[in-house]
């Protein structure tokens, strides 16, 4: 399993990139400036 770290993944391009990577099976770590917004983590569907 491949692992990726995406900064700014709680919205916009970073969020969409994280969603796409999750859908194909990557293990994802995300970084965000606003800890309260980190609740919006992408997940596999």
PDB file of N, CA and C in Angstrom:
ATOM      1  N   UNK A   1       0.846  -1.176   0.000  1.00  0.00           N
ATOM      2  CA  UNK A   1       0.000   0.000   0.000  1.00  0.00           C
ATOM      3  C   UNK A   1       0.896   1.246   0.000  1.00  0.00           C
ATOM      4  N   UNK A   2       0.586   2.168  -0.861  1.00  0.00           N
ATOM      5  CA  UNK A   2       1.337   3.423  -0.916  1.00  0.00           C
ATOM      6  C   UNK A   2       0.733   4.429   0.056  1.00  0.00           C
ATOM      7  N   UNK A   3       1.576   5.315   0.546  1.00  0.00           N
ATOM      8  CA  UNK A   3       1.158   6.333   1.505  1.00  0.00           C
ATOM      9  C   UNK A   3       1.481   7.708   0.943  1.00  0.00           C
ATOM     10  N   UNK A   4       0.547   8.651   1.135  1.00  0.00           N
ATOM     11  CA  UNK A   4       0.772  10.028   0.692  1.00  0.00           C
ATOM     12  C   UNK A   4       0.458  10.991   1.828  1.00  0.00           C
ATOM     13  N   UNK A   5       1.119  12.144   1.809  1.00  0.00           N
ATOM     14  CA  UNK A   5       0.846  13.234   2.741  1.00  0.00           C
ATOM     15  C   UNK A   5       0.443  14.430   1.903  1.00  0.00           C
ATOM     16  N   UNK A   6      -0.755  14.953   2.161  1.00  0.00           N
ATOM     17  CA  UNK A   6      -1.276  16.071   1.376  1.00  0.00           C
ATOM     18  C   UNK A   6      -1.544  17.237   2.314  1.00  0.00           C
ATOM     19  N   UNK A   7      -0.942  18.387   2.010  1.00  0.00           N
ATOM     20  CA  UNK A   7      -1.195  19.585   2.815  1.00  0.00           C
ATOM     21  C   UNK A   7      -2.391  20.327   2.232  1.00  0.00           C
ATOM     22  N   UNK A   8      -3.124  21.005   3.096  1.00  0.00           N
ATOM     23  CA  UNK A   8      -4.292  21.759   2.643  1.00  0.00           C
ATOM     24  C   UNK A   8      -5.413  20.856   2.153  1.00  0.00           C
ATOM     25  N   UNK A   9      -5.539  19.686   2.767  1.00  0.00           N
ATOM     26  CA  UNK A   9      -6.499  18.701   2.265  1.00  0.00           C
ATOM     27  C   UNK A   9      -7.886  18.813   2.888  1.00  0.00           C
ATOM     28  N   UNK A  10      -8.167  19.894   3.588  1.00  0.00           N
ATOM     29  CA  UNK A  10      -9.499  20.033   4.163  1.00  0.00           C
ATOM     30  C   UNK A  10     -10.452  20.800   3.248  1.00  0.00           C
ATOM     31  N   UNK A  11      -9.940  21.293   2.095  1.00  0.00           N
ATOM     32  CA  UNK A  11     -10.824  21.976   1.145  1.00  0.00           C
ATOM     33  C   UNK A  11     -10.132  22.097  -0.212  1.00  0.00           C
ATOM     34  N   UNK A  12     -10.886  22.431  -1.205  1.00  0.00           N
ATOM     35  CA  UNK A  12     -10.335  22.734  -2.523  1.00  0.00           C
ATOM     36  C   UNK A  12      -9.610  21.597  -3.204  1.00  0.00           C
ATOM     37  N   UNK A  13      -8.538  21.945  -3.899  1.00  0.00           N
ATOM     38  CA  UNK A  13      -7.779  20.971  -4.686  1.00  0.00           C
ATOM     39  C   UNK A  13      -7.182  19.889  -3.790  1.00  0.00           C
ATOM     40  N   UNK A  14      -6.668  20.264  -2.639  1.00  0.00           N
ATOM     41  CA  UNK A  14      -6.086  19.280  -1.729  1.00  0.00           C
ATOM     42  C   UNK A  14      -7.105  18.248  -1.280  1.00  0.00           C
ATOM     43  N   UNK A  15      -8.321  18.697  -0.981  1.00  0.00           N
ATOM     44  CA  UNK A  15      -9.386  17.788  -0.547  1.00  0.00           C
ATOM     45  C   UNK A  15      -9.763  16.833  -1.673  1.00  0.00           C
ATOM     46  N   UNK A  16      -9.926  17.361  -2.875  1.00  0.00           N
ATOM     47  CA  UNK A  16     -10.289  16.524  -4.019  1.00  0.00           C
ATOM     48  C   UNK A  16      -9.182  15.522  -4.347  1.00  0.00           C
ATOM     49  N   UNK A  17      -7.941  15.956  -4.246  1.00  0.00           N
ATOM     50  CA  UNK A  17      -6.815  15.050  -4.485  1.00  0.00           C
ATOM     51  C   UNK A  17      -6.816  13.924  -3.455  1.00  0.00           C
ATOM     52  N   UNK A  18      -7.032  14.267  -2.194  1.00  0.00           N
ATOM     53  CA  UNK A  18      -7.065  13.260  -1.138  1.00  0.00           C
ATOM     54  C   UNK A  18      -8.205  12.264  -1.364  1.00  0.00           C
ATOM     55  N   UNK A  19      -9.372  12.752  -1.772  1.00  0.00           N
ATOM     56  CA  UNK A  19     -10.501  11.856  -2.054  1.00  0.00           C
ATOM     57  C   UNK A  19     -10.155  10.879  -3.168  1.00  0.00           C
ATOM     58  N   UNK A  20      -9.563  11.381  -4.234  1.00  0.00           N
ATOM     59  CA  UNK A  20      -9.219  10.524  -5.368  1.00  0.00           C
ATOM     60  C   UNK A  20      -8.175   9.488  -4.973  1.00  0.00           C
ATOM     61  N   UNK A  21      -7.200   9.887  -4.186  1.00  0.00           N
ATOM     62  CA  UNK A  21      -6.176   8.943  -3.757  1.00  0.00           C
ATOM     63  C   UNK A  21      -6.772   7.883  -2.833  1.00  0.00           C
ATOM     64  N   UNK A  22      -7.705   8.266  -1.969  1.00  0.00           N
ATOM     65  CA  UNK A  22      -8.363   7.310  -1.079  1.00  0.00           C
ATOM     66  C   UNK A  22      -9.172   6.288  -1.884  1.00  0.00           C
ATOM     67  N   UNK A  23      -9.819   6.747  -2.935  1.00  0.00           N
ATOM     68  CA  UNK A  23     -10.640   5.851  -3.754  1.00  0.00           C
ATOM     69  C   UNK A  23      -9.826   4.757  -4.437  1.00  0.00           C
ATOM     70  N   UNK A  24      -8.561   5.019  -4.721  1.00  0.00           N
ATOM     71  CA  UNK A  24      -7.726   4.006  -5.368  1.00  0.00           C
ATOM     72  C   UNK A  24      -6.878   3.224  -4.362  1.00  0.00           C
ATOM     73  N   UNK A  25      -7.088   3.454  -3.070  1.00  0.00           N
ATOM     74  CA  UNK A  25      -6.473   2.626  -2.049  1.00  0.00           C
ATOM     75  C   UNK A  25      -5.239   3.148  -1.349  1.00  0.00           C
ATOM     76  N   UNK A  26      -4.884   4.403  -1.545  1.00  0.00           N
ATOM     77  CA  UNK A  26      -3.722   4.965  -0.865  1.00  0.00           C
ATOM     78  C   UNK A  26      -4.055   5.205   0.613  1.00  0.00           C
ATOM     79  N   UNK A  27      -3.041   5.093   1.460  1.00  0.00           N
ATOM     80  CA  UNK A  27      -3.145   5.495   2.849  1.00  0.00           C
ATOM     81  C   UNK A  27      -2.777   6.976   2.881  1.00  0.00           C
ATOM     82  N   UNK A  28      -3.627   7.809   3.460  1.00  0.00           N
ATOM     83  CA  UNK A  28      -3.460   9.253   3.348  1.00  0.00           C
ATOM     84  C   UNK A  28      -3.282   9.911   4.714  1.00  0.00           C
ATOM     85  N   UNK A  29      -2.303  10.789   4.785  1.00  0.00           N
ATOM     86  CA  UNK A  29      -2.131  11.699   5.914  1.00  0.00           C
ATOM     87  C   UNK A  29      -2.389  13.094   5.369  1.00  0.00           C
ATOM     88  N   UNK A  30      -3.185  13.869   6.111  1.00  0.00           N
ATOM     89  CA  UNK A  30      -3.477  15.218   5.631  1.00  0.00           C
ATOM     90  C   UNK A  30      -2.975  16.257   6.627  1.00  0.00           C
ATOM     91  N   UNK A  31      -2.647  17.415   6.090  1.00  0.00           N
ATOM     92  CA  UNK A  31      -2.232  18.535   6.919  1.00  0.00           C
ATOM     93  C   UNK A  31      -3.175  19.701   6.684  1.00  0.00           C
ATOM     94  N   UNK A  32      -3.462  20.441   7.754  1.00  0.00           N
ATOM     95  CA  UNK A  32      -4.397  21.552   7.658  1.00  0.00           C
ATOM     96  C   UNK A  32      -3.976  22.650   8.621  1.00  0.00           C
ATOM     97  N   UNK A  33      -4.198  23.900   8.239  1.00  0.00           N
ATOM     98  CA  UNK A  33      -3.883  25.014   9.140  1.00  0.00           C
ATOM     99  C   UNK A  33      -4.917  25.156  10.232  1.00  0.00           C
ATOM    100  N   UNK A  34      -6.148  24.742   9.984  1.00  0.00           N
ATOM    101  CA  UNK A  34      -7.248  24.919  10.928  1.00  0.00           C
ATOM    102  C   UNK A  34      -7.679  23.558  11.471  1.00  0.00           C
ATOM    103  N   UNK A  35      -7.312  23.266  12.709  1.00  0.00           N
ATOM    104  CA  UNK A  35      -7.599  21.954  13.300  1.00  0.00           C
ATOM    105  C   UNK A  35      -9.099  21.660  13.350  1.00  0.00           C
ATOM    106  N   UNK A  36      -9.954  22.674  13.492  1.00  0.00           N
ATOM    107  CA  UNK A  36     -11.392  22.448  13.546  1.00  0.00           C
ATOM    108  C   UNK A  36     -11.934  21.943  12.213  1.00  0.00           C
ATOM    109  N   UNK A  37     -11.306  22.325  11.122  1.00  0.00           N
ATOM    110  CA  UNK A  37     -11.768  21.894   9.807  1.00  0.00           C
ATOM    111  C   UNK A  37     -11.230  20.523   9.418  1.00  0.00           C
ATOM    112  N   UNK A  38     -10.318  19.976  10.207  1.00  0.00           N
ATOM    113  CA  UNK A  38      -9.759  18.665   9.898  1.00  0.00           C
ATOM    114  C   UNK A  38     -10.775  17.554  10.066  1.00  0.00           C
ATOM    115  N   UNK A  39     -11.939  17.846  10.652  1.00  0.00           N
ATOM    116  CA  UNK A  39     -12.984  16.830  10.792  1.00  0.00           C
ATOM    117  C   UNK A  39     -13.514  16.397   9.431  1.00  0.00           C
ATOM    118  N   UNK A  40     -13.276  17.176   8.418  1.00  0.00           N
ATOM    119  CA  UNK A  40     -13.773  16.890   7.074  1.00  0.00           C
ATOM    120  C   UNK A  40     -12.725  16.073   6.312  1.00  0.00           C
ATOM    121  N   UNK A  41     -12.392  14.922   6.834  1.00  0.00           N
ATOM    122  CA  UNK A  41     -11.371  14.079   6.208  1.00  0.00           C
ATOM    123  C   UNK A  41     -11.971  13.261   5.073  1.00  0.00           C
ATOM    124  N   UNK A  42     -11.255  13.147   3.981  1.00  0.00           N
ATOM    125  CA  UNK A  42     -11.734  12.289   2.902  1.00  0.00           C
ATOM    126  C   UNK A  42     -11.690  10.819   3.312  1.00  0.00           C
ATOM    127  N   UNK A  43     -12.577  10.022   2.768  1.00  0.00           N
ATOM    128  CA  UNK A  43     -12.580   8.601   3.077  1.00  0.00           C
ATOM    129  C   UNK A  43     -12.975   7.801   1.847  1.00  0.00           C
ATOM    130  N   UNK A  44     -12.686   6.512   1.895  1.00  0.00           N
ATOM    131  CA  UNK A  44     -13.090   5.644   0.797  1.00  0.00           C
ATOM    132  C   UNK A  44     -14.594   5.487   0.809  1.00  0.00           C
ATOM    133  N   UNK A  45     -15.183   5.406  -0.362  1.00  0.00           N
ATOM    134  CA  UNK A  45     -16.646   5.236  -0.438  1.00  0.00           C
ATOM    135  C   UNK A  45     -16.997   3.945  -1.083  1.00  0.00           C
TER     136      UNK A  45
END
